[in-house]
Amino acid sequence: MTVFLTTLGLIAAAEMGDKTQLLTLALAARLPLRAVLGGVVVATLLNHALAVVVGGAALLVVPASVLRAAAGLSFIGFGLWTLRGDQLAGNEERRVGPPLVTVAVSFFLAEMGDKTQLATAVLAAQATSLLPVWLGSVLGMILADGLAVAVGHLLGRRLPERPLKIGAAALFLLFGVLLLGARTASDTAALHIPTSGRPGVGEHIQSEGGTRR
């Protein structure tokens, strides 16, 4: 549950003011709301499943200490990326049929290589179970984009981007520092493991001599 809630909160915060959220708002201004939200759900399920698989595969081939350091540096980079902000290009929308398909394809392609997808992969590489990461990231994206669309439709205004970006960046930076700090602490502890409990060379010889008759 902790992994699920952590992923949900981090991805939801990161999506605020992100390129894919701007795309969702632009699509919601021209297409039916149901098709927009449905397309976002489909695209996020597929896209973040790919991210989780990549992150889980990295866990199998890369040592945990190296992953922890890479994750810490990645989160710090995501924090700086969030502060810089994203710009929505004019050709993000892909008209490929019905509105739901148009939204799903456009959102999927826009999310490829985006910081929320990369953050999901990094979180998956740190987790012992991949399902909570996948579900948390998908729900975080849906909540963030759904909230932005709802506020835009109901109030005719957008969420305050600057405070949300600062909050998301602070979360990323905090996670990055905590991961790097945890790695440093574990490395320091490994260097100070007491050796008194380990049998010495003399004990090995004595033991072998005692067993030989």
N, C-alpha and C. Protein backbone atom coordinates (compact mmCIF):
# COMPACT_ATOMS: atom_id res chain seq x y z
N MET A 1 0.83 -1.21 0.00
CA MET A 1 0.00 0.00 0.00
C MET A 1 0.87 1.27 0.00
N THR A 2 2.02 1.20 0.71
CA THR A 2 2.91 2.36 0.74
C THR A 2 3.44 2.67 -0.65
N VAL A 3 3.83 1.63 -1.40
CA VAL A 3 4.34 1.83 -2.76
C VAL A 3 3.25 2.43 -3.64
N PHE A 4 2.04 1.91 -3.51
CA PHE A 4 0.91 2.41 -4.31
C PHE A 4 0.66 3.89 -4.04
N LEU A 5 0.57 4.27 -2.76
CA LEU A 5 0.26 5.65 -2.39
C LEU A 5 1.41 6.59 -2.76
N THR A 6 2.64 6.13 -2.57
CA THR A 6 3.79 6.95 -2.94
C THR A 6 3.81 7.22 -4.44
N THR A 7 3.59 6.17 -5.23
CA THR A 7 3.57 6.34 -6.69
C THR A 7 2.43 7.23 -7.11
N LEU A 8 1.25 7.01 -6.53
CA LEU A 8 0.08 7.83 -6.89
C LEU A 8 0.35 9.30 -6.63
N GLY A 9 0.83 9.63 -5.44
CA GLY A 9 1.07 11.03 -5.10
C GLY A 9 2.14 11.67 -5.94
N LEU A 10 3.23 10.95 -6.17
CA LEU A 10 4.35 11.51 -6.93
C LEU A 10 3.98 11.73 -8.39
N ILE A 11 3.32 10.77 -9.00
CA ILE A 11 2.95 10.90 -10.42
C ILE A 11 1.87 11.94 -10.61
N ALA A 12 0.88 11.99 -9.69
CA ALA A 12 -0.17 13.00 -9.79
C ALA A 12 0.42 14.40 -9.68
N ALA A 13 1.35 14.60 -8.76
CA ALA A 13 1.98 15.92 -8.62
C ALA A 13 2.82 16.26 -9.85
N ALA A 14 3.54 15.27 -10.37
CA ALA A 14 4.40 15.51 -11.53
C ALA A 14 3.59 15.84 -12.78
N GLU A 15 2.38 15.30 -12.87
CA GLU A 15 1.56 15.52 -14.07
C GLU A 15 0.98 16.93 -14.12
N MET A 16 0.91 17.62 -12.99
CA MET A 16 0.35 18.97 -12.95
C MET A 16 1.21 19.92 -13.78
N GLY A 17 0.62 20.49 -14.80
CA GLY A 17 1.35 21.39 -15.69
C GLY A 17 2.24 20.70 -16.69
N ASP A 18 2.18 19.37 -16.73
CA ASP A 18 3.02 18.61 -17.65
C ASP A 18 2.46 18.72 -19.08
N LYS A 19 3.31 18.32 -20.04
CA LYS A 19 2.91 18.40 -21.45
C LYS A 19 1.65 17.60 -21.74
N THR A 20 1.55 16.41 -21.16
CA THR A 20 0.38 15.57 -21.44
C THR A 20 -0.89 16.14 -20.80
N GLN A 21 -0.73 16.85 -19.68
CA GLN A 21 -1.92 17.49 -19.11
C GLN A 21 -2.37 18.65 -19.99
N LEU A 22 -1.43 19.40 -20.51
CA LEU A 22 -1.78 20.49 -21.44
C LEU A 22 -2.47 19.93 -22.68
N LEU A 23 -1.98 18.78 -23.16
CA LEU A 23 -2.62 18.13 -24.31
C LEU A 23 -4.05 17.71 -23.97
N THR A 24 -4.23 17.17 -22.77
CA THR A 24 -5.57 16.75 -22.35
C THR A 24 -6.53 17.93 -22.31
N LEU A 25 -6.07 19.06 -21.80
CA LEU A 25 -6.91 20.25 -21.75
C LEU A 25 -7.26 20.75 -23.16
N ALA A 26 -6.27 20.69 -24.05
CA ALA A 26 -6.52 21.14 -25.43
C ALA A 26 -7.52 20.22 -26.12
N LEU A 27 -7.41 18.91 -25.91
CA LEU A 27 -8.34 17.97 -26.52
C LEU A 27 -9.74 18.11 -25.92
N ALA A 28 -9.80 18.36 -24.61
CA ALA A 28 -11.10 18.50 -23.95
C ALA A 28 -11.86 19.72 -24.42
N ALA A 29 -11.16 20.71 -24.97
CA ALA A 29 -11.83 21.90 -25.48
C ALA A 29 -12.51 21.65 -26.82
N ARG A 30 -12.15 20.54 -27.50
CA ARG A 30 -12.69 20.29 -28.84
C ARG A 30 -13.44 18.97 -28.96
N LEU A 31 -13.19 18.03 -28.03
CA LEU A 31 -13.77 16.69 -28.15
C LEU A 31 -14.65 16.39 -26.94
N PRO A 32 -15.55 15.40 -27.07
CA PRO A 32 -16.41 15.03 -25.93
C PRO A 32 -15.58 14.64 -24.71
N LEU A 33 -16.04 15.08 -23.54
CA LEU A 33 -15.30 14.84 -22.31
C LEU A 33 -15.13 13.35 -22.03
N ARG A 34 -16.16 12.57 -22.31
CA ARG A 34 -16.08 11.12 -22.06
C ARG A 34 -14.99 10.48 -22.92
N ALA A 35 -14.91 10.91 -24.17
CA ALA A 35 -13.88 10.35 -25.06
C ALA A 35 -12.48 10.76 -24.60
N VAL A 36 -12.34 11.98 -24.12
CA VAL A 36 -11.03 12.45 -23.67
C VAL A 36 -10.56 11.65 -22.46
N LEU A 37 -11.41 11.53 -21.45
CA LEU A 37 -11.02 10.80 -20.25
C LEU A 37 -10.81 9.31 -20.55
N GLY A 38 -11.66 8.74 -21.42
CA GLY A 38 -11.48 7.34 -21.80
C GLY A 38 -10.18 7.10 -22.54
N GLY A 39 -9.85 8.01 -23.44
CA GLY A 39 -8.59 7.90 -24.17
C GLY A 39 -7.38 8.03 -23.26
N VAL A 40 -7.46 8.93 -22.27
CA VAL A 40 -6.37 9.09 -21.32
C VAL A 40 -6.17 7.81 -20.51
N VAL A 41 -7.28 7.19 -20.09
CA VAL A 41 -7.19 5.96 -19.31
C VAL A 41 -6.53 4.84 -20.13
N VAL A 42 -6.99 4.64 -21.35
CA VAL A 42 -6.45 3.57 -22.20
C VAL A 42 -4.97 3.80 -22.46
N ALA A 43 -4.62 5.03 -22.86
CA ALA A 43 -3.23 5.33 -23.19
C ALA A 43 -2.32 5.16 -21.98
N THR A 44 -2.79 5.61 -20.81
CA THR A 44 -1.96 5.52 -19.60
C THR A 44 -1.77 4.08 -19.17
N LEU A 45 -2.81 3.27 -19.24
CA LEU A 45 -2.69 1.86 -18.89
C LEU A 45 -1.61 1.18 -19.73
N LEU A 46 -1.62 1.43 -21.02
CA LEU A 46 -0.65 0.80 -21.92
C LEU A 46 0.75 1.38 -21.75
N ASN A 47 0.81 2.71 -21.69
CA ASN A 47 2.11 3.37 -21.64
C ASN A 47 2.85 3.06 -20.35
N HIS A 48 2.14 3.09 -19.24
CA HIS A 48 2.81 2.87 -17.96
C HIS A 48 3.03 1.39 -17.69
N ALA A 49 2.28 0.52 -18.35
CA ALA A 49 2.62 -0.90 -18.29
C ALA A 49 3.98 -1.13 -18.93
N LEU A 50 4.24 -0.46 -20.03
CA LEU A 50 5.55 -0.54 -20.68
C LEU A 50 6.64 -0.01 -19.76
N ALA A 51 6.37 1.11 -19.09
CA ALA A 51 7.36 1.69 -18.18
C ALA A 51 7.67 0.75 -17.02
N VAL A 52 6.63 0.11 -16.47
CA VAL A 52 6.82 -0.80 -15.34
C VAL A 52 7.62 -2.02 -15.77
N VAL A 53 7.35 -2.54 -16.96
CA VAL A 53 8.09 -3.70 -17.46
C VAL A 53 9.57 -3.35 -17.63
N VAL A 54 9.85 -2.18 -18.17
CA VAL A 54 11.25 -1.76 -18.34
C VAL A 54 11.93 -1.60 -16.99
N GLY A 55 11.24 -0.97 -16.04
CA GLY A 55 11.81 -0.81 -14.71
C GLY A 55 12.03 -2.14 -14.01
N GLY A 56 11.07 -3.06 -14.13
CA GLY A 56 11.23 -4.38 -13.53
C GLY A 56 12.36 -5.16 -14.15
N ALA A 57 12.55 -5.02 -15.46
CA ALA A 57 13.65 -5.71 -16.13
C ALA A 57 15.00 -5.18 -15.66
N ALA A 58 15.06 -3.87 -15.43
CA ALA A 58 16.32 -3.29 -14.93
C ALA A 58 16.68 -3.85 -13.57
N LEU A 59 15.66 -4.12 -12.75
CA LEU A 59 15.91 -4.68 -11.43
C LEU A 59 16.56 -6.06 -11.49
N LEU A 60 16.33 -6.79 -12.59
CA LEU A 60 16.88 -8.14 -12.72
C LEU A 60 18.34 -8.15 -13.15
N VAL A 61 18.79 -7.10 -13.81
CA VAL A 61 20.13 -7.12 -14.39
C VAL A 61 21.09 -6.09 -13.78
N VAL A 62 20.55 -5.14 -13.02
CA VAL A 62 21.39 -4.09 -12.43
C VAL A 62 21.39 -4.25 -10.92
N PRO A 63 22.54 -4.17 -10.26
CA PRO A 63 22.60 -4.27 -8.81
C PRO A 63 21.72 -3.23 -8.12
N ALA A 64 21.14 -3.61 -7.00
CA ALA A 64 20.20 -2.72 -6.29
C ALA A 64 20.87 -1.42 -5.88
N SER A 65 22.13 -1.47 -5.46
CA SER A 65 22.80 -0.24 -5.02
C SER A 65 22.99 0.73 -6.19
N VAL A 66 23.29 0.19 -7.36
CA VAL A 66 23.44 1.04 -8.54
C VAL A 66 22.09 1.64 -8.94
N LEU A 67 21.03 0.83 -8.88
CA LEU A 67 19.69 1.34 -9.19
C LEU A 67 19.28 2.44 -8.22
N ARG A 68 19.62 2.27 -6.94
CA ARG A 68 19.24 3.27 -5.95
C ARG A 68 19.93 4.59 -6.23
N ALA A 69 21.19 4.54 -6.59
CA ALA A 69 21.92 5.77 -6.91
C ALA A 69 21.36 6.41 -8.18
N ALA A 70 21.11 5.58 -9.19
CA ALA A 70 20.55 6.10 -10.45
C ALA A 70 19.17 6.70 -10.21
N ALA A 71 18.37 6.06 -9.35
CA ALA A 71 17.03 6.57 -9.06
C ALA A 71 17.12 7.92 -8.36
N GLY A 72 18.03 8.03 -7.39
CA GLY A 72 18.19 9.30 -6.69
C GLY A 72 18.57 10.43 -7.63
N LEU A 73 19.54 10.17 -8.50
CA LEU A 73 19.95 11.20 -9.47
C LEU A 73 18.83 11.50 -10.46
N SER A 74 18.07 10.46 -10.85
CA SER A 74 16.97 10.66 -11.79
C SER A 74 15.90 11.56 -11.18
N PHE A 75 15.54 11.31 -9.92
CA PHE A 75 14.51 12.13 -9.28
C PHE A 75 14.95 13.57 -9.14
N ILE A 76 16.22 13.80 -8.85
CA ILE A 76 16.72 15.18 -8.80
C ILE A 76 16.60 15.83 -10.17
N GLY A 77 16.94 15.05 -11.22
CA GLY A 77 16.78 15.56 -12.58
C GLY A 77 15.32 15.85 -12.92
N PHE A 78 14.41 14.96 -12.48
CA PHE A 78 12.99 15.20 -12.73
C PHE A 78 12.51 16.47 -12.02
N GLY A 79 13.06 16.72 -10.83
CA GLY A 79 12.68 17.93 -10.12
C GLY A 79 13.09 19.19 -10.88
N LEU A 80 14.30 19.19 -11.41
CA LEU A 80 14.75 20.33 -12.21
C LEU A 80 13.95 20.45 -13.50
N TRP A 81 13.63 19.32 -14.10
CA TRP A 81 12.81 19.30 -15.31
C TRP A 81 11.44 19.91 -15.03
N THR A 82 10.86 19.57 -13.88
CA THR A 82 9.54 20.09 -13.51
C THR A 82 9.58 21.60 -13.35
N LEU A 83 10.64 22.11 -12.71
CA LEU A 83 10.75 23.56 -12.53
C LEU A 83 10.87 24.27 -13.88
N ARG A 84 11.58 23.64 -14.82
CA ARG A 84 11.74 24.26 -16.14
C ARG A 84 10.41 24.33 -16.87
N GLY A 85 9.57 23.29 -16.71
CA GLY A 85 8.26 23.28 -17.35
C GLY A 85 8.30 22.68 -18.75
N ASP A 86 7.11 22.35 -19.25
CA ASP A 86 6.97 21.77 -20.58
C ASP A 86 6.17 22.71 -21.47
N GLN A 87 6.40 22.59 -22.76
CA GLN A 87 5.63 23.33 -23.75
C GLN A 87 4.94 22.34 -24.67
N LEU A 88 3.68 22.61 -24.96
CA LEU A 88 2.91 21.73 -25.84
C LEU A 88 3.15 22.13 -27.28
N ALA A 89 3.68 21.20 -28.08
CA ALA A 89 3.90 21.47 -29.50
C ALA A 89 2.57 21.49 -30.24
N GLY A 90 2.57 22.14 -31.39
CA GLY A 90 1.31 22.28 -32.12
C GLY A 90 0.87 21.02 -32.83
N ASN A 91 1.74 20.01 -32.94
CA ASN A 91 1.41 18.81 -33.71
C ASN A 91 1.27 17.58 -32.81
N GLU A 92 0.91 17.77 -31.53
CA GLU A 92 0.79 16.64 -30.61
C GLU A 92 -0.45 15.80 -30.90
N GLU A 93 -1.50 16.44 -31.40
CA GLU A 93 -2.75 15.70 -31.63
C GLU A 93 -2.64 14.88 -32.91
N ARG A 94 -3.04 13.60 -32.83
CA ARG A 94 -3.04 12.70 -33.99
C ARG A 94 -4.48 12.28 -34.27
N ARG A 95 -5.05 12.77 -35.35
CA ARG A 95 -6.43 12.39 -35.70
C ARG A 95 -6.39 11.08 -36.47
N VAL A 96 -6.86 10.02 -35.81
CA VAL A 96 -6.75 8.68 -36.41
C VAL A 96 -8.08 7.93 -36.33
N GLY A 97 -9.18 8.64 -36.32
CA GLY A 97 -10.47 7.96 -36.27
C GLY A 97 -11.39 8.59 -35.25
N PRO A 98 -12.16 7.76 -34.53
CA PRO A 98 -13.08 8.28 -33.52
C PRO A 98 -12.36 9.09 -32.45
N PRO A 99 -13.08 9.97 -31.75
CA PRO A 99 -12.43 10.82 -30.73
C PRO A 99 -11.64 10.03 -29.68
N LEU A 100 -12.20 8.90 -29.21
CA LEU A 100 -11.50 8.15 -28.18
C LEU A 100 -10.15 7.63 -28.69
N VAL A 101 -10.13 7.13 -29.92
CA VAL A 101 -8.89 6.63 -30.50
C VAL A 101 -7.91 7.78 -30.73
N THR A 102 -8.41 8.91 -31.18
CA THR A 102 -7.56 10.09 -31.38
C THR A 102 -6.87 10.49 -30.09
N VAL A 103 -7.65 10.55 -29.00
CA VAL A 103 -7.08 10.93 -27.70
C VAL A 103 -6.08 9.89 -27.23
N ALA A 104 -6.43 8.60 -27.33
CA ALA A 104 -5.55 7.53 -26.84
C ALA A 104 -4.21 7.55 -27.58
N VAL A 105 -4.24 7.65 -28.90
CA VAL A 105 -3.00 7.65 -29.68
C VAL A 105 -2.18 8.90 -29.40
N SER A 106 -2.85 10.06 -29.36
CA SER A 106 -2.14 11.32 -29.11
C SER A 106 -1.49 11.32 -27.73
N PHE A 107 -2.24 10.86 -26.73
CA PHE A 107 -1.72 10.86 -25.36
C PHE A 107 -0.59 9.85 -25.20
N PHE A 108 -0.75 8.68 -25.81
CA PHE A 108 0.28 7.64 -25.71
C PHE A 108 1.60 8.14 -26.29
N LEU A 109 1.55 8.74 -27.47
CA LEU A 109 2.77 9.22 -28.12
C LEU A 109 3.40 10.38 -27.35
N ALA A 110 2.55 11.27 -26.81
CA ALA A 110 3.07 12.41 -26.06
C ALA A 110 3.72 11.96 -24.75
N GLU A 111 3.23 10.87 -24.18
CA GLU A 111 3.75 10.38 -22.90
C GLU A 111 5.06 9.62 -23.05
N MET A 112 5.36 9.17 -24.26
CA MET A 112 6.61 8.42 -24.48
C MET A 112 7.81 9.31 -24.18
N GLY A 113 8.64 8.88 -23.22
CA GLY A 113 9.81 9.65 -22.84
C GLY A 113 9.54 10.83 -21.95
N ASP A 114 8.27 11.01 -21.55
CA ASP A 114 7.94 12.12 -20.66
C ASP A 114 8.38 11.78 -19.24
N LYS A 115 8.49 12.80 -18.38
CA LYS A 115 9.05 12.54 -17.05
C LYS A 115 8.15 11.66 -16.20
N THR A 116 6.82 11.69 -16.42
CA THR A 116 5.95 10.82 -15.64
C THR A 116 6.15 9.35 -16.03
N GLN A 117 6.38 9.10 -17.31
CA GLN A 117 6.66 7.72 -17.72
C GLN A 117 8.02 7.27 -17.19
N LEU A 118 9.02 8.13 -17.29
CA LEU A 118 10.35 7.78 -16.80
C LEU A 118 10.35 7.60 -15.27
N ALA A 119 9.60 8.45 -14.57
CA ALA A 119 9.51 8.31 -13.11
C ALA A 119 8.84 6.99 -12.73
N THR A 120 7.85 6.58 -13.50
CA THR A 120 7.20 5.29 -13.24
C THR A 120 8.19 4.14 -13.41
N ALA A 121 9.01 4.21 -14.45
CA ALA A 121 10.02 3.17 -14.65
C ALA A 121 11.02 3.13 -13.51
N VAL A 122 11.44 4.30 -13.04
CA VAL A 122 12.39 4.37 -11.92
C VAL A 122 11.77 3.80 -10.65
N LEU A 123 10.51 4.15 -10.39
CA LEU A 123 9.82 3.62 -9.20
C LEU A 123 9.68 2.10 -9.29
N ALA A 124 9.38 1.60 -10.49
CA ALA A 124 9.26 0.14 -10.67
C ALA A 124 10.58 -0.56 -10.42
N ALA A 125 11.67 0.09 -10.79
CA ALA A 125 12.99 -0.52 -10.58
C ALA A 125 13.35 -0.60 -9.11
N GLN A 126 12.68 0.20 -8.26
CA GLN A 126 12.96 0.19 -6.83
C GLN A 126 12.00 -0.69 -6.04
N ALA A 127 10.90 -1.12 -6.67
CA ALA A 127 9.83 -1.80 -5.94
C ALA A 127 10.00 -3.32 -5.99
N THR A 128 9.52 -3.98 -4.94
CA THR A 128 9.53 -5.44 -4.92
C THR A 128 8.34 -6.02 -5.66
N SER A 129 7.28 -5.23 -5.80
CA SER A 129 6.09 -5.66 -6.54
C SER A 129 5.74 -4.59 -7.57
N LEU A 130 5.51 -4.99 -8.81
CA LEU A 130 5.30 -4.03 -9.89
C LEU A 130 3.85 -3.57 -10.00
N LEU A 131 2.90 -4.39 -9.58
CA LEU A 131 1.49 -4.05 -9.74
C LEU A 131 1.11 -2.76 -9.01
N PRO A 132 1.52 -2.55 -7.74
CA PRO A 132 1.17 -1.28 -7.08
C PRO A 132 1.74 -0.06 -7.79
N VAL A 133 2.92 -0.20 -8.38
CA VAL A 133 3.51 0.92 -9.11
C VAL A 133 2.67 1.24 -10.34
N TRP A 134 2.29 0.21 -11.07
CA TRP A 134 1.48 0.41 -12.28
C TRP A 134 0.13 1.05 -11.94
N LEU A 135 -0.58 0.48 -10.98
CA LEU A 135 -1.90 1.00 -10.61
C LEU A 135 -1.79 2.40 -10.03
N GLY A 136 -0.78 2.64 -9.18
CA GLY A 136 -0.62 3.97 -8.60
C GLY A 136 -0.30 5.03 -9.63
N SER A 137 0.55 4.69 -10.59
CA SER A 137 0.90 5.67 -11.62
C SER A 137 -0.28 5.98 -12.53
N VAL A 138 -1.03 4.94 -12.89
CA VAL A 138 -2.20 5.15 -13.75
C VAL A 138 -3.24 6.00 -13.04
N LEU A 139 -3.53 5.68 -11.78
CA LEU A 139 -4.53 6.45 -11.05
C LEU A 139 -4.06 7.88 -10.82
N GLY A 140 -2.76 8.06 -10.57
CA GLY A 140 -2.23 9.41 -10.40
C GLY A 140 -2.40 10.26 -11.65
N MET A 141 -2.13 9.67 -12.80
CA MET A 141 -2.32 10.39 -14.07
C MET A 141 -3.79 10.74 -14.30
N ILE A 142 -4.67 9.77 -14.03
CA ILE A 142 -6.10 9.99 -14.25
C ILE A 142 -6.63 11.07 -13.33
N LEU A 143 -6.22 11.04 -12.07
CA LEU A 143 -6.68 12.05 -11.11
C LEU A 143 -6.20 13.45 -11.51
N ALA A 144 -4.92 13.55 -11.89
CA ALA A 144 -4.37 14.86 -12.24
C ALA A 144 -5.03 15.42 -13.49
N ASP A 145 -5.14 14.60 -14.54
CA ASP A 145 -5.73 15.08 -15.79
C ASP A 145 -7.23 15.28 -15.65
N GLY A 146 -7.91 14.36 -14.92
CA GLY A 146 -9.34 14.52 -14.70
C GLY A 146 -9.66 15.77 -13.92
N LEU A 147 -8.85 16.07 -12.89
CA LEU A 147 -9.07 17.27 -12.10
C LEU A 147 -8.88 18.53 -12.95
N ALA A 148 -7.85 18.54 -13.77
CA ALA A 148 -7.61 19.70 -14.62
C ALA A 148 -8.75 19.93 -15.60
N VAL A 149 -9.23 18.83 -16.21
CA VAL A 149 -10.35 18.95 -17.15
C VAL A 149 -11.61 19.40 -16.44
N ALA A 150 -11.88 18.84 -15.25
CA ALA A 150 -13.09 19.20 -14.50
C ALA A 150 -13.06 20.67 -14.10
N VAL A 151 -11.92 21.13 -13.61
CA VAL A 151 -11.81 22.54 -13.22
C VAL A 151 -11.99 23.45 -14.43
N GLY A 152 -11.41 23.05 -15.56
CA GLY A 152 -11.57 23.85 -16.77
C GLY A 152 -13.00 23.93 -17.25
N HIS A 153 -13.74 22.82 -17.16
CA HIS A 153 -15.13 22.80 -17.62
C HIS A 153 -16.06 23.50 -16.64
N LEU A 154 -15.85 23.28 -15.35
CA LEU A 154 -16.78 23.81 -14.36
C LEU A 154 -16.53 25.28 -14.03
N LEU A 155 -15.27 25.66 -13.96
CA LEU A 155 -14.94 27.01 -13.52
C LEU A 155 -14.44 27.90 -14.66
N GLY A 156 -14.15 27.29 -15.80
CA GLY A 156 -13.65 28.07 -16.92
C GLY A 156 -12.26 28.64 -16.67
N ARG A 157 -11.50 27.98 -15.83
CA ARG A 157 -10.14 28.44 -15.54
C ARG A 157 -9.22 27.24 -15.36
N ARG A 158 -7.93 27.49 -15.37
CA ARG A 158 -6.96 26.42 -15.21
C ARG A 158 -6.39 26.42 -13.80
N LEU A 159 -5.89 25.27 -13.39
CA LEU A 159 -5.25 25.16 -12.08
C LEU A 159 -3.99 26.02 -12.04
N PRO A 160 -3.66 26.56 -10.87
CA PRO A 160 -2.44 27.39 -10.77
C PRO A 160 -1.18 26.56 -11.01
N GLU A 161 -0.56 26.77 -12.16
CA GLU A 161 0.54 25.90 -12.57
C GLU A 161 1.80 26.12 -11.73
N ARG A 162 2.14 27.37 -11.44
CA ARG A 162 3.41 27.64 -10.78
C ARG A 162 3.51 26.99 -9.39
N PRO A 163 2.53 27.18 -8.51
CA PRO A 163 2.64 26.51 -7.20
C PRO A 163 2.66 24.99 -7.31
N LEU A 164 1.90 24.43 -8.26
CA LEU A 164 1.87 22.99 -8.43
C LEU A 164 3.22 22.47 -8.94
N LYS A 165 3.83 23.21 -9.85
CA LYS A 165 5.15 22.80 -10.35
C LYS A 165 6.19 22.84 -9.23
N ILE A 166 6.14 23.87 -8.41
CA ILE A 166 7.11 23.97 -7.32
C ILE A 166 6.91 22.82 -6.34
N GLY A 167 5.64 22.49 -6.03
CA GLY A 167 5.38 21.39 -5.12
C GLY A 167 5.85 20.05 -5.68
N ALA A 168 5.58 19.82 -6.97
CA ALA A 168 6.03 18.56 -7.60
C ALA A 168 7.54 18.49 -7.65
N ALA A 169 8.20 19.60 -7.98
CA ALA A 169 9.65 19.61 -8.03
C ALA A 169 10.25 19.33 -6.65
N ALA A 170 9.63 19.90 -5.62
CA ALA A 170 10.11 19.67 -4.25
C ALA A 170 10.00 18.19 -3.88
N LEU A 171 8.90 17.55 -4.29
CA LEU A 171 8.75 16.12 -4.01
C LEU A 171 9.82 15.29 -4.71
N PHE A 172 10.07 15.58 -5.97
CA PHE A 172 11.10 14.86 -6.71
C PHE A 172 12.47 15.04 -6.06
N LEU A 173 12.80 16.28 -5.73
CA LEU A 173 14.10 16.54 -5.12
C LEU A 173 14.23 15.85 -3.77
N LEU A 174 13.15 15.85 -2.99
CA LEU A 174 13.18 15.19 -1.69
C LEU A 174 13.40 13.69 -1.85
N PHE A 175 12.68 13.06 -2.77
CA PHE A 175 12.85 11.63 -3.02
C PHE A 175 14.28 11.34 -3.48
N GLY A 176 14.81 12.18 -4.35
CA GLY A 176 16.16 11.96 -4.83
C GLY A 176 17.19 12.03 -3.72
N VAL A 177 17.08 13.04 -2.87
CA VAL A 177 18.02 13.18 -1.76
C VAL A 177 17.89 12.02 -0.79
N LEU A 178 16.66 11.59 -0.50
CA LEU A 178 16.45 10.48 0.42
C LEU A 178 17.05 9.18 -0.12
N LEU A 179 16.89 8.94 -1.42
CA LEU A 179 17.45 7.72 -2.00
C LEU A 179 18.97 7.75 -1.98
N LEU A 180 19.55 8.89 -2.32
CA LEU A 180 21.01 8.98 -2.29
C LEU A 180 21.53 8.88 -0.86
N GLY A 181 20.80 9.46 0.09
CA GLY A 181 21.19 9.36 1.49
C GLY A 181 21.11 7.94 2.00
N ALA A 182 20.07 7.20 1.56
CA ALA A 182 19.93 5.81 1.98
C ALA A 182 21.07 4.97 1.41
N ARG A 183 21.48 5.24 0.18
CA ARG A 183 22.58 4.48 -0.42
C ARG A 183 23.88 4.77 0.31
N THR A 184 24.12 6.04 0.64
CA THR A 184 25.35 6.39 1.37
C THR A 184 25.38 5.71 2.73
N ALA A 185 24.23 5.70 3.41
CA ALA A 185 24.17 5.07 4.73
C ALA A 185 24.42 3.57 4.65
N SER A 186 23.84 2.91 3.63
CA SER A 186 24.03 1.47 3.50
C SER A 186 25.48 1.14 3.14
N ASP A 187 26.11 1.96 2.31
CA ASP A 187 27.51 1.74 1.97
C ASP A 187 28.41 1.92 3.19
N THR A 188 28.11 2.95 4.01
CA THR A 188 28.90 3.18 5.21
C THR A 188 28.75 2.03 6.19
N ALA A 189 27.52 1.53 6.33
CA ALA A 189 27.30 0.40 7.24
C ALA A 189 28.04 -0.84 6.76
N ALA A 190 28.09 -1.04 5.45
CA ALA A 190 28.78 -2.21 4.91
C ALA A 190 30.27 -2.17 5.19
N LEU A 191 30.83 -0.95 5.24
CA LEU A 191 32.25 -0.82 5.49
C LEU A 191 32.61 -1.07 6.96
N HIS A 192 31.61 -1.00 7.84
CA HIS A 192 31.86 -1.16 9.27
C HIS A 192 31.26 -2.44 9.83
N ILE A 193 31.07 -3.44 9.03
CA ILE A 193 30.58 -4.72 9.52
C ILE A 193 31.65 -5.36 10.40
N PRO A 194 31.32 -5.70 11.63
CA PRO A 194 32.34 -6.30 12.50
C PRO A 194 32.78 -7.66 11.98
N THR A 195 34.05 -7.93 12.14
CA THR A 195 34.60 -9.20 11.65
C THR A 195 34.89 -10.18 12.77
N SER A 196 34.52 -9.81 14.04
CA SER A 196 34.84 -10.67 15.16
C SER A 196 34.09 -11.98 15.11
N GLY A 197 32.94 -11.97 14.48
CA GLY A 197 32.14 -13.19 14.41
C GLY A 197 32.61 -14.13 13.34
N ARG A 198 33.52 -13.68 12.48
CA ARG A 198 33.98 -14.53 11.38
C ARG A 198 35.17 -15.37 11.84
N PRO A 199 35.24 -16.64 11.52
CA PRO A 199 36.40 -17.45 11.91
C PRO A 199 37.65 -17.00 11.19
N GLY A 200 38.74 -16.88 11.96
CA GLY A 200 40.00 -16.45 11.38
C GLY A 200 40.74 -17.61 10.75
N VAL A 201 41.92 -17.29 10.20
CA VAL A 201 42.70 -18.33 9.54
C VAL A 201 43.15 -19.38 10.54
N GLY A 202 43.60 -18.90 11.74
CA GLY A 202 44.04 -19.84 12.75
C GLY A 202 42.94 -20.77 13.20
N GLU A 203 41.75 -20.26 13.33
CA GLU A 203 40.61 -21.08 13.75
C GLU A 203 40.30 -22.12 12.70
N HIS A 204 40.40 -21.72 11.42
CA HIS A 204 40.16 -22.69 10.34
C HIS A 204 41.17 -23.82 10.43
N ILE A 205 42.46 -23.48 10.66
CA ILE A 205 43.50 -24.51 10.71
C ILE A 205 43.28 -25.42 11.90
N GLN A 206 42.95 -24.77 13.06
CA GLN A 206 42.74 -25.58 14.25
C GLN A 206 41.56 -26.52 14.08
N SER A 207 40.50 -25.98 13.44
CA SER A 207 39.31 -26.79 13.24
C SER A 207 39.62 -27.97 12.32
N GLU A 208 40.41 -27.67 11.26
CA GLU A 208 40.72 -28.75 10.34
C GLU A 208 41.62 -29.78 10.99
N GLY A 209 42.58 -29.28 11.83
CA GLY A 209 43.46 -30.22 12.49
C GLY A 209 42.73 -31.08 13.50
N GLY A 210 41.67 -30.46 14.13
CA GLY A 210 40.91 -31.25 15.11
C GLY A 210 40.07 -32.30 14.50
N THR A 211 39.71 -32.11 13.27
CA THR A 211 38.82 -33.08 12.61
C THR A 211 39.59 -34.17 11.90
N ARG A 212 40.91 -33.97 11.72
CA ARG A 212 41.70 -35.00 11.05
C ARG A 212 42.31 -35.92 12.09
N ARG A 213 42.10 -37.13 12.00
CA ARG A 213 42.60 -38.14 12.96
C ARG A 213 43.60 -39.08 12.25
